[in-house]
Amino acid sequence: MTRTGLAGVGAILLGVLALAGCGGGGSSSSDTTTTETGTTTTTATASGTTLDASVGPGFDISLKTADGADVSTLTAGSYTIEVNDQSDIHNFHLSGPGVDESTGVSDTGTTTWKVTLEDGSYHFQCDPHSGQMNGDFQVSG
């Protein structure tokens, strides 16, 4: 190949590499992580409210309202709690006035609890990892 031909191939190759670096893969949006900062206060009222509890598969544990907000305060009353236990090394344990419910550490899957929450402080945790996997919320009124 001639020197002119090599220069042309090099220019084409350079152009292809430049286009590849400009996000032509389309996967950049799936790599974006949004992190919330601060604490969201969510007050849910009882009367048939369902709360979503989750533990695992990593070292995550949460209790959320149906719209995905972290629970920090609730109104006293009856609730349905759907627990999604995603790991056989964790459990979800909820305790407080009149409530002491937990999934088994080696159990996985979905469990539904009907609970009546009274005025007071409630705590949830993974029993084997209680120092790092836990949360609290208040119930009043």
Protein backbone atom coordinates (compact mmCIF):
# COMPACT_ATOMS: atom_id res chain seq x y z
CA MET A 1 0.00 0.00 0.00
CA THR A 2 1.24 3.52 -0.75
CA ARG A 3 1.98 6.19 1.79
CA THR A 4 -1.14 8.10 0.68
CA GLY A 5 -3.26 4.94 1.09
CA LEU A 6 -1.91 4.36 4.62
CA ALA A 7 -2.67 7.95 5.58
CA GLY A 8 -6.26 7.52 4.36
CA VAL A 9 -6.75 4.28 6.34
CA GLY A 10 -5.30 5.98 9.42
CA ALA A 11 -7.67 8.93 9.06
CA ILE A 12 -10.67 6.59 8.74
CA LEU A 13 -9.54 4.59 11.77
CA LEU A 14 -9.09 7.78 13.79
CA GLY A 15 -12.60 8.89 12.82
CA VAL A 16 -14.12 5.54 13.86
CA LEU A 17 -12.34 5.67 17.22
CA ALA A 18 -13.52 9.24 17.82
CA LEU A 19 -17.14 8.25 17.12
CA ALA A 20 -16.88 5.24 19.42
CA GLY A 21 -15.77 7.50 22.26
CA CYS A 22 -18.75 9.84 21.84
CA GLY A 23 -21.28 7.59 23.55
CA GLY A 24 -22.38 5.59 20.53
CA GLY A 25 -22.80 2.51 22.75
CA GLY A 26 -26.02 3.77 24.31
CA SER A 27 -25.28 2.25 27.72
CA SER A 28 -24.24 5.42 29.49
CA SER A 29 -27.71 6.11 30.91
CA SER A 30 -27.88 2.71 32.61
CA ASP A 31 -24.62 3.45 34.43
CA THR A 32 -26.03 6.58 36.06
CA THR A 33 -26.75 6.35 39.79
CA THR A 34 -28.95 8.85 41.57
CA THR A 35 -28.40 9.14 45.30
CA GLU A 36 -30.79 10.95 47.61
CA THR A 37 -29.32 12.91 50.46
CA GLY A 38 -31.03 13.86 53.69
CA THR A 39 -33.93 12.18 55.43
CA THR A 40 -37.40 12.09 53.99
CA THR A 41 -40.19 12.22 56.53
CA THR A 42 -43.14 10.18 55.40
CA THR A 43 -46.32 9.92 57.40
CA ALA A 44 -48.69 7.21 56.25
CA THR A 45 -52.17 6.73 57.59
CA ALA A 46 -53.43 3.28 58.48
CA SER A 47 -56.78 2.05 57.09
CA GLY A 48 -55.44 -0.67 54.83
CA THR A 49 -52.06 0.83 54.04
CA THR A 50 -49.47 -1.58 52.70
CA LEU A 51 -45.81 -1.07 53.53
CA ASP A 52 -42.95 -2.67 51.59
CA ALA A 53 -40.14 -4.23 53.62
CA SER A 54 -37.02 -5.51 51.91
CA VAL A 55 -33.81 -7.20 53.03
CA GLY A 56 -30.90 -8.28 50.83
CA PRO A 57 -29.56 -9.43 48.50
CA GLY A 58 -26.64 -7.26 49.62
CA PHE A 59 -26.44 -5.57 52.99
CA ASP A 60 -29.55 -3.44 52.46
CA ILE A 61 -32.68 -3.31 54.59
CA SER A 62 -35.62 -0.93 54.21
CA LEU A 63 -39.23 -0.19 55.06
CA LYS A 64 -41.02 1.95 52.50
CA THR A 65 -44.46 3.27 51.69
CA ALA A 66 -46.22 2.08 48.54
CA ASP A 67 -44.83 5.12 46.67
CA GLY A 68 -41.24 4.18 47.61
CA ALA A 69 -40.55 6.72 50.37
CA ASP A 70 -38.65 5.59 53.48
CA VAL A 71 -40.93 5.23 56.50
CA SER A 72 -40.00 7.55 59.36
CA THR A 73 -43.39 8.26 60.99
CA LEU A 74 -46.72 6.46 60.82
CA THR A 75 -50.19 7.00 62.18
CA ALA A 76 -51.29 4.32 64.66
CA GLY A 77 -53.51 1.63 63.17
CA SER A 78 -53.59 -1.56 61.12
CA TYR A 79 -51.07 -2.13 58.34
CA THR A 80 -50.14 -4.86 55.90
CA ILE A 81 -46.40 -5.33 55.56
CA GLU A 82 -45.09 -7.22 52.55
CA VAL A 83 -41.60 -8.48 53.30
CA ASN A 84 -39.31 -9.34 50.39
CA ASP A 85 -36.49 -11.40 51.91
CA GLN A 86 -33.90 -11.75 49.14
CA SER A 87 -31.08 -13.53 50.95
CA ASP A 88 -30.55 -16.68 52.99
CA ILE A 89 -28.01 -14.89 55.21
CA HIS A 90 -30.38 -12.11 56.35
CA ASN A 91 -33.77 -11.73 57.95
CA PHE A 92 -36.23 -8.88 58.51
CA HIS A 93 -37.16 -8.43 62.17
CA LEU A 94 -39.72 -5.77 63.20
CA SER A 95 -40.28 -5.00 66.87
CA GLY A 96 -42.08 -2.37 68.92
CA PRO A 97 -45.16 -1.97 71.10
CA GLY A 98 -47.35 -5.04 70.45
CA VAL A 99 -45.27 -6.26 67.46
CA ASP A 100 -42.47 -8.82 67.21
CA GLU A 101 -42.39 -10.33 63.71
CA SER A 102 -39.45 -11.77 61.78
CA THR A 103 -38.56 -13.88 58.80
CA GLY A 104 -36.14 -16.79 59.17
CA VAL A 105 -32.50 -16.16 58.42
CA SER A 106 -32.29 -19.04 55.94
CA ASP A 107 -35.71 -18.25 54.42
CA THR A 108 -36.18 -16.27 51.22
CA GLY A 109 -39.27 -15.09 49.40
CA THR A 110 -42.24 -12.90 50.17
CA THR A 111 -44.11 -12.92 53.47
CA THR A 112 -47.15 -10.83 54.38
CA TRP A 113 -47.84 -9.64 57.91
CA LYS A 114 -50.96 -7.91 59.26
CA VAL A 115 -49.90 -5.74 62.20
CA THR A 116 -51.48 -3.16 64.44
CA LEU A 117 -49.02 -0.38 65.23
CA GLU A 118 -49.54 1.55 68.46
CA ASP A 119 -48.04 4.82 69.68
CA GLY A 120 -44.31 4.40 70.24
CA SER A 121 -40.95 3.61 68.71
CA TYR A 122 -40.42 0.72 66.32
CA HIS A 123 -37.20 -0.87 65.15
CA PHE A 124 -36.37 -3.16 62.24
CA GLN A 125 -33.14 -5.02 61.67
CA CYS A 126 -31.38 -8.03 60.23
CA ASP A 127 -30.60 -10.05 63.36
CA PRO A 128 -27.22 -11.45 62.19
CA HIS A 129 -26.10 -7.99 61.00
CA SER A 130 -28.00 -5.71 63.41
CA GLY A 131 -25.10 -3.28 63.80
CA GLN A 132 -25.18 -2.23 60.15
CA MET A 133 -28.62 -3.27 58.87
CA ASN A 134 -31.33 -1.51 60.85
CA GLY A 135 -33.82 1.34 60.96
CA ASP A 136 -36.32 3.06 63.24
CA PHE A 137 -39.64 4.86 62.91
CA GLN A 138 -42.20 6.49 65.18
CA VAL A 139 -45.93 5.80 65.43
CA SER A 140 -48.38 8.29 66.92
CA GLY A 141 -52.02 9.21 67.05
